[in-house]
Amino acid sequence: RSGRGELPALVAVTAVLFAVQQLAGTIFGRTPLPGQKLFDFQPITVAGATVDSSSIVLIVGTVVVFVVVGLWLQATQTGRLLRAVGDNPEAARILGLPVKRVRLVAFTVAGLIAAIAGLLFAPKAGVQFTSGLSWTLTAFIALVIGGTGRSWAPLIGGLLLGFVQVFAPYYFGASAAQTAILLIALVFFAFRPEGLLSRKVRV
């Protein structure tokens, strides 16, 4: 049981994602839907750029969720259990920690965060039944770039991806963003799989 590793879990999650995606397409239809604004107020201008209400809600919501989850992981017993199991599940199991229950909590919290992310992002990007796959791929690449050693590392990876998505089309053409992101992911997989902000583990 200890030799299973994380790959089967990743494969299982991907399979469930595909199944849910097809189910959503069957139930709700396969036609893309425009996003509906959660709040509608006057846009603001920052450094000459206009930021609309959907972008403001997305930015503020992301910061709030990030801070709340970070504090929860650092200051609560459940959060510390999640970090312990995430860092070394085998050691946590040997110490008698409830690894399966903690993983269930992690899965539930991750689902809640994903739901909030979809609610915040949908007004900006619209909704279609295949949205989950592309968003999950982007989030996974952000995780690869930032690393998993610190709770805020994936946010740094996401910010770097955002810069690539904005500037790559400007310099290399409209279709360059996705290609650049995949190339960056391959570079990190090959040369720094632990990410930019990996945490050294003492042995």
N, C-alpha and C. Protein backbone atom coordinates (compact mmCIF):
# COMPACT_ATOMS: atom_id res chain seq x y z
N ARG A 1 0.82 -1.21 0.00
CA ARG A 1 0.00 0.00 0.00
C ARG A 1 0.85 1.25 0.00
N SER A 2 2.00 1.20 0.70
CA SER A 2 2.84 2.37 0.77
C SER A 2 3.54 2.68 -0.54
N GLY A 3 3.58 1.75 -1.49
CA GLY A 3 4.27 1.98 -2.74
C GLY A 3 3.38 2.49 -3.85
N ARG A 4 2.18 2.79 -3.55
CA ARG A 4 1.28 3.23 -4.60
C ARG A 4 1.69 4.56 -5.21
N GLY A 5 2.17 5.50 -4.39
CA GLY A 5 2.57 6.79 -4.91
C GLY A 5 1.38 7.66 -5.24
N GLU A 6 1.67 8.82 -5.84
CA GLU A 6 0.64 9.81 -6.12
C GLU A 6 0.08 9.70 -7.53
N LEU A 7 0.77 8.96 -8.43
CA LEU A 7 0.32 8.87 -9.81
C LEU A 7 -1.07 8.26 -9.94
N PRO A 8 -1.40 7.14 -9.26
CA PRO A 8 -2.76 6.62 -9.38
C PRO A 8 -3.83 7.62 -8.96
N ALA A 9 -3.56 8.40 -7.91
CA ALA A 9 -4.53 9.41 -7.49
C ALA A 9 -4.71 10.46 -8.57
N LEU A 10 -3.61 10.87 -9.20
CA LEU A 10 -3.69 11.87 -10.27
C LEU A 10 -4.47 11.33 -11.46
N VAL A 11 -4.22 10.07 -11.81
CA VAL A 11 -4.96 9.45 -12.91
C VAL A 11 -6.44 9.36 -12.58
N ALA A 12 -6.76 8.99 -11.32
CA ALA A 12 -8.16 8.88 -10.91
C ALA A 12 -8.86 10.23 -10.97
N VAL A 13 -8.19 11.28 -10.49
CA VAL A 13 -8.78 12.62 -10.53
C VAL A 13 -9.02 13.06 -11.97
N THR A 14 -8.06 12.78 -12.86
CA THR A 14 -8.22 13.14 -14.27
C THR A 14 -9.39 12.40 -14.89
N ALA A 15 -9.53 11.12 -14.57
CA ALA A 15 -10.65 10.34 -15.10
C ALA A 15 -11.98 10.89 -14.62
N VAL A 16 -12.06 11.23 -13.33
CA VAL A 16 -13.29 11.81 -12.79
C VAL A 16 -13.59 13.14 -13.47
N LEU A 17 -12.54 13.94 -13.72
CA LEU A 17 -12.73 15.23 -14.38
C LEU A 17 -13.34 15.05 -15.76
N PHE A 18 -12.82 14.10 -16.53
CA PHE A 18 -13.38 13.85 -17.86
C PHE A 18 -14.83 13.38 -17.76
N ALA A 19 -15.12 12.51 -16.80
CA ALA A 19 -16.48 12.00 -16.65
C ALA A 19 -17.45 13.12 -16.28
N VAL A 20 -17.05 13.96 -15.31
CA VAL A 20 -17.91 15.07 -14.89
C VAL A 20 -18.09 16.07 -16.03
N GLN A 21 -17.01 16.29 -16.79
CA GLN A 21 -17.09 17.21 -17.93
C GLN A 21 -18.12 16.75 -18.95
N GLN A 22 -18.08 15.47 -19.30
CA GLN A 22 -19.04 14.95 -20.27
C GLN A 22 -20.46 14.96 -19.71
N LEU A 23 -20.60 14.67 -18.42
CA LEU A 23 -21.91 14.71 -17.79
C LEU A 23 -22.47 16.13 -17.80
N ALA A 24 -21.61 17.11 -17.52
CA ALA A 24 -22.05 18.51 -17.55
C ALA A 24 -22.48 18.91 -18.95
N GLY A 25 -21.74 18.45 -19.96
CA GLY A 25 -22.13 18.76 -21.34
C GLY A 25 -23.46 18.15 -21.71
N THR A 26 -23.74 16.95 -21.20
CA THR A 26 -25.01 16.29 -21.49
C THR A 26 -26.18 16.97 -20.79
N ILE A 27 -25.97 17.37 -19.54
CA ILE A 27 -27.06 17.95 -18.75
C ILE A 27 -27.32 19.41 -19.13
N PHE A 28 -26.26 20.20 -19.22
CA PHE A 28 -26.42 21.64 -19.40
C PHE A 28 -26.23 22.11 -20.84
N GLY A 29 -25.84 21.20 -21.72
CA GLY A 29 -25.63 21.58 -23.11
C GLY A 29 -24.18 21.91 -23.40
N ARG A 30 -23.84 21.90 -24.68
CA ARG A 30 -22.45 22.11 -25.09
C ARG A 30 -22.22 23.47 -25.72
N THR A 31 -23.20 24.34 -25.61
CA THR A 31 -23.06 25.70 -26.15
C THR A 31 -22.43 26.61 -25.11
N PRO A 32 -21.36 27.32 -25.45
CA PRO A 32 -20.74 28.25 -24.49
C PRO A 32 -21.73 29.32 -24.04
N LEU A 33 -21.66 29.67 -22.76
CA LEU A 33 -22.55 30.68 -22.19
C LEU A 33 -21.73 31.89 -21.76
N PRO A 34 -22.25 33.09 -22.01
CA PRO A 34 -21.53 34.29 -21.55
C PRO A 34 -21.58 34.41 -20.04
N GLY A 35 -20.57 35.03 -19.47
CA GLY A 35 -20.52 35.21 -18.03
C GLY A 35 -21.46 36.29 -17.56
N GLN A 36 -22.02 36.11 -16.38
CA GLN A 36 -22.89 37.10 -15.75
C GLN A 36 -22.13 37.74 -14.59
N LYS A 37 -22.10 39.06 -14.56
CA LYS A 37 -21.35 39.77 -13.53
C LYS A 37 -21.96 39.53 -12.15
N LEU A 38 -21.08 39.25 -11.18
CA LEU A 38 -21.54 39.12 -9.80
C LEU A 38 -21.89 40.49 -9.22
N PHE A 39 -21.06 41.47 -9.52
CA PHE A 39 -21.29 42.85 -9.08
C PHE A 39 -20.99 43.76 -10.26
N ASP A 40 -21.80 44.77 -10.42
CA ASP A 40 -21.62 45.69 -11.54
C ASP A 40 -21.42 47.10 -11.01
N PHE A 41 -20.20 47.61 -11.15
CA PHE A 41 -19.91 48.97 -10.72
C PHE A 41 -18.92 49.58 -11.70
N GLN A 42 -18.62 50.84 -11.51
CA GLN A 42 -17.78 51.56 -12.45
C GLN A 42 -16.36 51.00 -12.47
N PRO A 43 -15.78 50.84 -13.67
CA PRO A 43 -14.39 50.39 -13.74
C PRO A 43 -13.44 51.45 -13.19
N ILE A 44 -12.25 51.02 -12.84
CA ILE A 44 -11.23 51.95 -12.35
C ILE A 44 -10.05 51.93 -13.32
N THR A 45 -9.24 52.98 -13.26
CA THR A 45 -8.07 53.09 -14.12
C THR A 45 -6.81 52.97 -13.27
N VAL A 46 -5.95 52.03 -13.66
CA VAL A 46 -4.69 51.79 -12.95
C VAL A 46 -3.55 51.87 -13.97
N ALA A 47 -2.67 52.86 -13.79
CA ALA A 47 -1.51 53.05 -14.68
C ALA A 47 -1.94 53.12 -16.14
N GLY A 48 -3.06 53.78 -16.38
CA GLY A 48 -3.55 53.96 -17.74
C GLY A 48 -4.38 52.82 -18.27
N ALA A 49 -4.49 51.73 -17.53
CA ALA A 49 -5.28 50.57 -17.96
C ALA A 49 -6.61 50.55 -17.23
N THR A 50 -7.67 50.25 -17.95
CA THR A 50 -9.01 50.17 -17.36
C THR A 50 -9.26 48.77 -16.81
N VAL A 51 -9.66 48.71 -15.55
CA VAL A 51 -9.94 47.43 -14.90
C VAL A 51 -11.44 47.37 -14.62
N ASP A 52 -12.14 46.42 -15.24
CA ASP A 52 -13.59 46.35 -15.09
C ASP A 52 -13.98 45.68 -13.78
N SER A 53 -15.28 45.70 -13.50
CA SER A 53 -15.77 45.20 -12.22
C SER A 53 -15.49 43.71 -12.04
N SER A 54 -15.61 42.92 -13.11
CA SER A 54 -15.36 41.48 -13.00
C SER A 54 -13.91 41.20 -12.62
N SER A 55 -12.98 41.98 -13.19
CA SER A 55 -11.57 41.79 -12.85
C SER A 55 -11.29 42.19 -11.41
N ILE A 56 -11.92 43.27 -10.96
CA ILE A 56 -11.73 43.71 -9.57
C ILE A 56 -12.23 42.65 -8.60
N VAL A 57 -13.43 42.12 -8.86
CA VAL A 57 -13.99 41.07 -8.00
C VAL A 57 -13.08 39.84 -8.01
N LEU A 58 -12.56 39.49 -9.19
CA LEU A 58 -11.67 38.33 -9.30
C LEU A 58 -10.40 38.53 -8.48
N ILE A 59 -9.79 39.71 -8.58
CA ILE A 59 -8.54 39.98 -7.86
C ILE A 59 -8.78 39.99 -6.35
N VAL A 60 -9.80 40.73 -5.93
CA VAL A 60 -10.09 40.83 -4.49
C VAL A 60 -10.48 39.47 -3.93
N GLY A 61 -11.32 38.74 -4.65
CA GLY A 61 -11.73 37.42 -4.20
C GLY A 61 -10.57 36.46 -4.08
N THR A 62 -9.65 36.51 -5.05
CA THR A 62 -8.47 35.64 -5.00
C THR A 62 -7.62 35.94 -3.78
N VAL A 63 -7.39 37.23 -3.51
CA VAL A 63 -6.58 37.62 -2.35
C VAL A 63 -7.25 37.16 -1.05
N VAL A 64 -8.56 37.35 -0.94
CA VAL A 64 -9.28 36.96 0.28
C VAL A 64 -9.19 35.46 0.50
N VAL A 65 -9.46 34.68 -0.55
CA VAL A 65 -9.40 33.22 -0.42
C VAL A 65 -7.99 32.77 -0.05
N PHE A 66 -7.00 33.37 -0.70
CA PHE A 66 -5.60 33.01 -0.43
C PHE A 66 -5.24 33.28 1.03
N VAL A 67 -5.60 34.45 1.54
CA VAL A 67 -5.28 34.81 2.92
C VAL A 67 -6.01 33.89 3.90
N VAL A 68 -7.30 33.66 3.67
CA VAL A 68 -8.09 32.83 4.58
C VAL A 68 -7.54 31.40 4.62
N VAL A 69 -7.27 30.83 3.45
CA VAL A 69 -6.75 29.46 3.41
C VAL A 69 -5.36 29.39 4.03
N GLY A 70 -4.52 30.39 3.76
CA GLY A 70 -3.19 30.41 4.35
C GLY A 70 -3.22 30.46 5.87
N LEU A 71 -4.09 31.32 6.41
CA LEU A 71 -4.23 31.40 7.86
C LEU A 71 -4.78 30.10 8.43
N TRP A 72 -5.72 29.51 7.73
CA TRP A 72 -6.31 28.24 8.19
C TRP A 72 -5.25 27.14 8.23
N LEU A 73 -4.39 27.08 7.21
CA LEU A 73 -3.34 26.06 7.18
C LEU A 73 -2.31 26.28 8.28
N GLN A 74 -2.04 27.53 8.62
CA GLN A 74 -0.99 27.84 9.58
C GLN A 74 -1.48 27.79 11.03
N ALA A 75 -2.74 28.19 11.26
CA ALA A 75 -3.18 28.46 12.63
C ALA A 75 -4.13 27.43 13.23
N THR A 76 -4.61 26.49 12.44
CA THR A 76 -5.57 25.52 12.97
C THR A 76 -4.95 24.13 13.00
N GLN A 77 -5.51 23.29 13.87
CA GLN A 77 -5.00 21.92 13.98
C GLN A 77 -5.22 21.15 12.69
N THR A 78 -6.39 21.33 12.08
CA THR A 78 -6.67 20.64 10.82
C THR A 78 -5.71 21.08 9.73
N GLY A 79 -5.43 22.38 9.68
CA GLY A 79 -4.48 22.87 8.70
C GLY A 79 -3.09 22.30 8.89
N ARG A 80 -2.66 22.21 10.14
CA ARG A 80 -1.34 21.63 10.41
C ARG A 80 -1.31 20.14 10.06
N LEU A 81 -2.42 19.45 10.30
CA LEU A 81 -2.49 18.04 9.90
C LEU A 81 -2.38 17.90 8.38
N LEU A 82 -3.06 18.78 7.65
CA LEU A 82 -2.98 18.75 6.19
C LEU A 82 -1.55 18.95 5.71
N ARG A 83 -0.86 19.90 6.32
CA ARG A 83 0.52 20.16 5.92
C ARG A 83 1.42 18.97 6.25
N ALA A 84 1.20 18.36 7.41
CA ALA A 84 2.02 17.22 7.81
C ALA A 84 1.83 16.05 6.86
N VAL A 85 0.58 15.74 6.55
CA VAL A 85 0.29 14.63 5.64
C VAL A 85 0.79 14.95 4.24
N GLY A 86 0.65 16.21 3.81
CA GLY A 86 1.13 16.59 2.49
C GLY A 86 2.64 16.50 2.37
N ASP A 87 3.35 16.86 3.43
CA ASP A 87 4.82 16.82 3.40
C ASP A 87 5.35 15.39 3.39
N ASN A 88 4.76 14.53 4.22
CA ASN A 88 5.27 13.16 4.31
C ASN A 88 4.16 12.24 4.80
N PRO A 89 3.36 11.72 3.88
CA PRO A 89 2.22 10.89 4.30
C PRO A 89 2.63 9.61 5.01
N GLU A 90 3.76 9.03 4.62
CA GLU A 90 4.19 7.79 5.27
C GLU A 90 4.59 8.03 6.72
N ALA A 91 5.33 9.12 6.96
CA ALA A 91 5.70 9.45 8.34
C ALA A 91 4.46 9.78 9.16
N ALA A 92 3.50 10.48 8.54
CA ALA A 92 2.27 10.81 9.25
C ALA A 92 1.50 9.54 9.62
N ARG A 93 1.49 8.56 8.73
CA ARG A 93 0.80 7.29 9.01
C ARG A 93 1.49 6.54 10.15
N ILE A 94 2.81 6.54 10.14
CA ILE A 94 3.56 5.87 11.21
C ILE A 94 3.29 6.52 12.56
N LEU A 95 3.15 7.84 12.56
CA LEU A 95 2.88 8.57 13.80
C LEU A 95 1.44 8.44 14.27
N GLY A 96 0.61 7.77 13.49
CA GLY A 96 -0.77 7.54 13.89
C GLY A 96 -1.74 8.62 13.49
N LEU A 97 -1.33 9.51 12.59
CA LEU A 97 -2.25 10.56 12.14
C LEU A 97 -3.30 9.96 11.20
N PRO A 98 -4.52 10.49 11.22
CA PRO A 98 -5.59 9.95 10.38
C PRO A 98 -5.44 10.39 8.93
N VAL A 99 -4.54 9.72 8.21
CA VAL A 99 -4.17 10.14 6.86
C VAL A 99 -5.37 10.13 5.92
N LYS A 100 -6.17 9.07 5.95
CA LYS A 100 -7.31 8.98 5.03
C LYS A 100 -8.32 10.10 5.30
N ARG A 101 -8.59 10.36 6.57
CA ARG A 101 -9.55 11.42 6.90
C ARG A 101 -9.00 12.79 6.50
N VAL A 102 -7.71 12.99 6.70
CA VAL A 102 -7.10 14.27 6.32
C VAL A 102 -7.15 14.46 4.81
N ARG A 103 -6.91 13.39 4.08
CA ARG A 103 -7.00 13.49 2.61
C ARG A 103 -8.42 13.78 2.16
N LEU A 104 -9.41 13.23 2.84
CA LEU A 104 -10.79 13.54 2.52
C LEU A 104 -11.09 15.01 2.77
N VAL A 105 -10.58 15.55 3.88
CA VAL A 105 -10.74 16.97 4.17
C VAL A 105 -10.07 17.81 3.08
N ALA A 106 -8.86 17.40 2.68
CA ALA A 106 -8.13 18.13 1.64
C ALA A 106 -8.91 18.13 0.33
N PHE A 107 -9.48 16.98 -0.02
CA PHE A 107 -10.26 16.88 -1.25
C PHE A 107 -11.49 17.78 -1.19
N THR A 108 -12.16 17.80 -0.03
CA THR A 108 -13.35 18.62 0.14
C THR A 108 -13.02 20.11 0.06
N VAL A 109 -11.96 20.51 0.75
CA VAL A 109 -11.55 21.92 0.75
C VAL A 109 -11.11 22.34 -0.65
N ALA A 110 -10.37 21.47 -1.34
CA ALA A 110 -9.95 21.78 -2.70
C ALA A 110 -11.15 21.95 -3.63
N GLY A 111 -12.16 21.11 -3.45
CA GLY A 111 -13.38 21.26 -4.25
C GLY A 111 -14.09 22.57 -3.98
N LEU A 112 -14.14 22.97 -2.70
CA LEU A 112 -14.76 24.24 -2.33
C LEU A 112 -14.00 25.41 -2.95
N ILE A 113 -12.67 25.37 -2.87
CA ILE A 113 -11.87 26.44 -3.46
C ILE A 113 -12.06 26.49 -4.97
N ALA A 114 -12.13 25.32 -5.61
CA ALA A 114 -12.35 25.27 -7.05
C ALA A 114 -13.71 25.87 -7.42
N ALA A 115 -14.73 25.60 -6.60
CA ALA A 115 -16.05 26.17 -6.85
C ALA A 115 -16.02 27.70 -6.74
N ILE A 116 -15.33 28.20 -5.72
CA ILE A 116 -15.21 29.65 -5.56
C ILE A 116 -14.45 30.25 -6.73
N ALA A 117 -13.37 29.57 -7.15
CA ALA A 117 -12.59 30.05 -8.29
C ALA A 117 -13.44 30.12 -9.56
N GLY A 118 -14.24 29.09 -9.79
CA GLY A 118 -15.12 29.11 -10.94
C GLY A 118 -16.14 30.23 -10.88
N LEU A 119 -16.69 30.46 -9.68
CA LEU A 119 -17.66 31.54 -9.50
C LEU A 119 -17.04 32.90 -9.77
N LEU A 120 -15.78 33.07 -9.37
CA LEU A 120 -15.10 34.35 -9.57
C LEU A 120 -14.66 34.54 -11.01
N PHE A 121 -14.26 33.45 -11.67
CA PHE A 121 -13.67 33.56 -13.00
C PHE A 121 -14.70 33.50 -14.12
N ALA A 122 -15.83 32.84 -13.88
CA ALA A 122 -16.84 32.69 -14.93
C ALA A 122 -17.35 34.01 -15.49
N PRO A 123 -17.60 35.05 -14.67
CA PRO A 123 -18.05 36.32 -15.26
C PRO A 123 -17.04 36.92 -16.22
N LYS A 124 -15.78 36.58 -16.05
CA LYS A 124 -14.73 37.14 -16.91
C LYS A 124 -14.55 36.34 -18.19
N ALA A 125 -14.66 35.02 -18.10
CA ALA A 125 -14.31 34.17 -19.23
C ALA A 125 -15.50 33.44 -19.85
N GLY A 126 -16.67 33.50 -19.22
CA GLY A 126 -17.78 32.72 -19.72
C GLY A 126 -17.67 31.27 -19.27
N VAL A 127 -18.63 30.46 -19.67
CA VAL A 127 -18.69 29.07 -19.20
C VAL A 127 -19.00 28.16 -20.38
N GLN A 128 -18.26 27.07 -20.46
CA GLN A 128 -18.61 25.97 -21.34
C GLN A 128 -18.21 24.66 -20.68
N PHE A 129 -18.73 23.57 -21.18
CA PHE A 129 -18.58 22.32 -20.43
C PHE A 129 -17.13 21.83 -20.41
N THR A 130 -16.28 22.33 -21.30
CA THR A 130 -14.87 21.93 -21.30
C THR A 130 -13.98 22.88 -20.50
N SER A 131 -14.56 23.88 -19.85
CA SER A 131 -13.74 24.87 -19.15
C SER A 131 -12.89 24.25 -18.05
N GLY A 132 -13.44 23.28 -17.35
CA GLY A 132 -12.73 22.71 -16.21
C GLY A 132 -11.40 22.11 -16.58
N LEU A 133 -11.30 21.47 -17.74
CA LEU A 133 -10.05 20.82 -18.13
C LEU A 133 -8.95 21.84 -18.37
N SER A 134 -9.25 22.91 -19.12
CA SER A 134 -8.23 23.91 -19.41
C SER A 134 -7.81 24.64 -18.14
N TRP A 135 -8.77 24.95 -17.26
CA TRP A 135 -8.43 25.64 -16.01
C TRP A 135 -7.59 24.73 -15.11
N THR A 136 -7.93 23.45 -15.08
CA THR A 136 -7.16 22.52 -14.26
C THR A 136 -5.74 22.38 -14.78
N LEU A 137 -5.58 22.33 -16.09
CA LEU A 137 -4.25 22.23 -16.68
C LEU A 137 -3.42 23.47 -16.33
N THR A 138 -4.03 24.65 -16.43
CA THR A 138 -3.32 25.88 -16.09
C THR A 138 -2.93 25.89 -14.61
N ALA A 139 -3.85 25.47 -13.75
CA ALA A 139 -3.56 25.43 -12.31
C ALA A 139 -2.44 24.44 -12.01
N PHE A 140 -2.45 23.30 -12.69
CA PHE A 140 -1.41 22.30 -12.47
C PHE A 140 -0.04 22.84 -12.88
N ILE A 141 0.02 23.55 -14.02
CA ILE A 141 1.28 24.13 -14.47
C ILE A 141 1.76 25.20 -13.50
N ALA A 142 0.83 26.00 -12.97
CA ALA A 142 1.19 26.99 -11.95
C ALA A 142 1.78 26.31 -10.72
N LEU A 143 1.22 25.18 -10.35
CA LEU A 143 1.74 24.41 -9.22
C LEU A 143 3.14 23.88 -9.51
N VAL A 144 3.35 23.40 -10.74
CA VAL A 144 4.67 22.90 -11.13
C VAL A 144 5.70 24.02 -11.09
N ILE A 145 5.34 25.20 -11.57
CA ILE A 145 6.28 26.32 -11.60
C ILE A 145 6.57 26.82 -10.19
N GLY A 146 5.54 27.04 -9.40
CA GLY A 146 5.74 27.59 -8.06
C GLY A 146 6.32 26.59 -7.08
N GLY A 147 5.88 25.34 -7.19
CA GLY A 147 6.31 24.32 -6.24
C GLY A 147 5.28 24.13 -5.14
N THR A 148 5.50 23.12 -4.34
CA THR A 148 4.56 22.77 -3.27
C THR A 148 5.14 22.95 -1.88
N GLY A 149 6.35 23.47 -1.79
CA GLY A 149 6.99 23.59 -0.48
C GLY A 149 6.37 24.63 0.42
N ARG A 150 5.73 25.64 -0.17
CA ARG A 150 5.12 26.71 0.61
C ARG A 150 3.71 26.95 0.09
N SER A 151 2.82 27.36 0.98
CA SER A 151 1.41 27.49 0.60
C SER A 151 1.19 28.57 -0.44
N TRP A 152 2.07 29.59 -0.47
CA TRP A 152 1.89 30.68 -1.43
C TRP A 152 2.66 30.48 -2.72
N ALA A 153 3.43 29.39 -2.84
CA ALA A 153 4.23 29.14 -4.03
C ALA A 153 3.39 29.01 -5.31
N PRO A 154 2.26 28.26 -5.29
CA PRO A 154 1.46 28.19 -6.52
C PRO A 154 0.92 29.54 -6.97
N LEU A 155 0.69 30.46 -6.03
CA LEU A 155 0.23 31.80 -6.42
C LEU A 155 1.30 32.51 -7.24
N ILE A 156 2.57 32.37 -6.83
CA ILE A 156 3.66 32.94 -7.61
C ILE A 156 3.71 32.32 -9.00
N GLY A 157 3.54 31.00 -9.06
CA GLY A 157 3.49 30.33 -10.36
C GLY A 157 2.35 30.83 -11.22
N GLY A 158 1.19 31.07 -10.60
CA GLY A 158 0.05 31.60 -11.34
C GLY A 158 0.30 33.00 -11.86
N LEU A 159 0.95 33.84 -11.06
CA LEU A 159 1.27 35.19 -11.51
C LEU A 159 2.23 35.16 -12.69
N LEU A 160 3.23 34.29 -12.64
CA LEU A 160 4.16 34.17 -13.76
C LEU A 160 3.44 33.69 -15.02
N LEU A 161 2.53 32.74 -14.85
CA LEU A 161 1.73 32.29 -16.00
C LEU A 161 0.90 33.43 -16.57
N GLY A 162 0.35 34.27 -15.68
CA GLY A 162 -0.42 35.42 -16.13
C GLY A 162 0.40 36.36 -16.99
N PHE A 163 1.62 36.63 -16.56
CA PHE A 163 2.50 37.49 -17.36
C PHE A 163 2.77 36.87 -18.73
N VAL A 164 3.00 35.56 -18.76
CA VAL A 164 3.25 34.88 -20.03
C VAL A 164 2.02 34.98 -20.94
N GLN A 165 0.84 34.77 -20.38
CA GLN A 165 -0.38 34.83 -21.18
C GLN A 165 -0.64 36.22 -21.73
N VAL A 166 -0.19 37.24 -21.02
CA VAL A 166 -0.41 38.62 -21.47
C VAL A 166 0.63 39.03 -22.51
N PHE A 167 1.90 38.73 -22.24
CA PHE A 167 2.97 39.28 -23.06
C PHE A 167 3.36 38.40 -24.24
N ALA A 168 3.16 37.08 -24.14
CA ALA A 168 3.53 36.20 -25.26
C ALA A 168 2.76 36.54 -26.53
N PRO A 169 1.43 36.73 -26.48
CA PRO A 169 0.73 37.11 -27.71
C PRO A 169 1.18 38.47 -28.25
N TYR A 170 1.56 39.37 -27.35
CA TYR A 170 1.98 40.72 -27.78
C TYR A 170 3.26 40.65 -28.61
N TYR A 171 4.18 39.77 -28.23
CA TYR A 171 5.47 39.70 -28.92
C TYR A 171 5.53 38.62 -29.99
N PHE A 172 4.77 37.54 -29.82
CA PHE A 172 4.93 36.39 -30.70
C PHE A 172 3.66 35.99 -31.45
N GLY A 173 2.56 36.71 -31.25
CA GLY A 173 1.34 36.37 -31.97
C GLY A 173 0.27 35.81 -31.06
N ALA A 174 -0.97 35.81 -31.56
CA ALA A 174 -2.12 35.47 -30.73
C ALA A 174 -2.09 34.03 -30.22
N SER A 175 -1.49 33.13 -30.97
CA SER A 175 -1.51 31.71 -30.58
C SER A 175 -0.30 31.30 -29.75
N ALA A 176 0.52 32.27 -29.35
CA ALA A 176 1.79 31.93 -28.69
C ALA A 176 1.63 31.62 -27.21
N ALA A 177 0.57 32.10 -26.58
CA ALA A 177 0.46 31.98 -25.12
C ALA A 177 0.45 30.53 -24.66
N GLN A 178 -0.43 29.72 -25.24
CA GLN A 178 -0.53 28.33 -24.80
C GLN A 178 0.74 27.56 -25.09
N THR A 179 1.35 27.83 -26.25
CA THR A 179 2.61 27.17 -26.59
C THR A 179 3.71 27.53 -25.60
N ALA A 180 3.79 28.81 -25.25
CA ALA A 180 4.80 29.26 -24.29
C ALA A 180 4.59 28.62 -22.92
N ILE A 181 3.34 28.52 -22.49
CA ILE A 181 3.05 27.92 -21.19
C ILE A 181 3.47 26.45 -21.16
N LEU A 182 3.15 25.72 -22.22
CA LEU A 182 3.52 24.30 -22.27
C LEU A 182 5.03 24.12 -22.32
N LEU A 183 5.73 25.00 -23.04
CA LEU A 183 7.19 24.93 -23.09
C LEU A 183 7.80 25.19 -21.72
N ILE A 184 7.26 26.18 -21.01
CA ILE A 184 7.74 26.47 -19.66
C ILE A 184 7.51 25.28 -18.74
N ALA A 185 6.34 24.66 -18.86
CA ALA A 185 6.05 23.48 -18.03
C ALA A 185 7.04 22.35 -18.32
N LEU A 186 7.36 22.13 -19.59
CA LEU A 186 8.31 21.08 -19.95
C LEU A 186 9.70 21.38 -19.39
N VAL A 187 10.10 22.66 -19.43
CA VAL A 187 11.41 23.04 -18.88
C VAL A 187 11.47 22.75 -17.38
N PHE A 188 10.39 23.10 -16.67
CA PHE A 188 10.38 22.85 -15.23
C PHE A 188 10.34 21.35 -14.93
N PHE A 189 9.57 20.60 -15.70
CA PHE A 189 9.54 19.15 -15.50
C PHE A 189 10.93 18.54 -15.68
N ALA A 190 11.66 19.06 -16.67
CA ALA A 190 12.96 18.47 -17.00
C ALA A 190 14.07 18.90 -16.04
N PHE A 191 14.08 20.19 -15.67
CA PHE A 191 15.24 20.73 -14.96
C PHE A 191 14.96 21.14 -13.51
N ARG A 192 13.71 21.42 -13.17
CA ARG A 192 13.42 21.80 -11.79
C ARG A 192 12.02 21.32 -11.42
N PRO A 193 11.84 20.02 -11.30
CA PRO A 193 10.50 19.47 -11.02
C PRO A 193 9.96 19.86 -9.65
N GLU A 194 10.83 20.30 -8.73
CA GLU A 194 10.37 20.72 -7.41
C GLU A 194 9.81 22.13 -7.41
N GLY A 195 9.94 22.87 -8.52
CA GLY A 195 9.41 24.22 -8.61
C GLY A 195 10.39 25.28 -8.16
N LEU A 196 9.99 26.54 -8.34
CA LEU A 196 10.85 27.66 -7.98
C LEU A 196 11.08 27.77 -6.49
N LEU A 197 10.02 27.54 -5.71
CA LEU A 197 10.06 27.83 -4.28
C LEU A 197 9.95 26.56 -3.46
N SER A 198 10.74 25.58 -3.83
CA SER A 198 10.72 24.32 -3.08
C SER A 198 11.32 24.53 -1.71
N ARG A 199 10.87 23.72 -0.78
CA ARG A 199 11.37 23.80 0.59
C ARG A 199 12.29 22.62 0.86
N LYS A 200 13.47 22.92 1.37
CA LYS A 200 14.41 21.86 1.67
C LYS A 200 13.92 21.02 2.84
N VAL A 201 14.00 19.73 2.68
CA VAL A 201 13.55 18.81 3.73
C VAL A 201 14.76 18.26 4.46
N ARG A 202 14.75 18.39 5.78
CA ARG A 202 15.85 17.88 6.59
C ARG A 202 15.66 16.39 6.85
N VAL A 203 16.76 15.66 6.74
CA VAL A 203 16.72 14.22 7.01
C VAL A 203 17.77 13.87 8.04
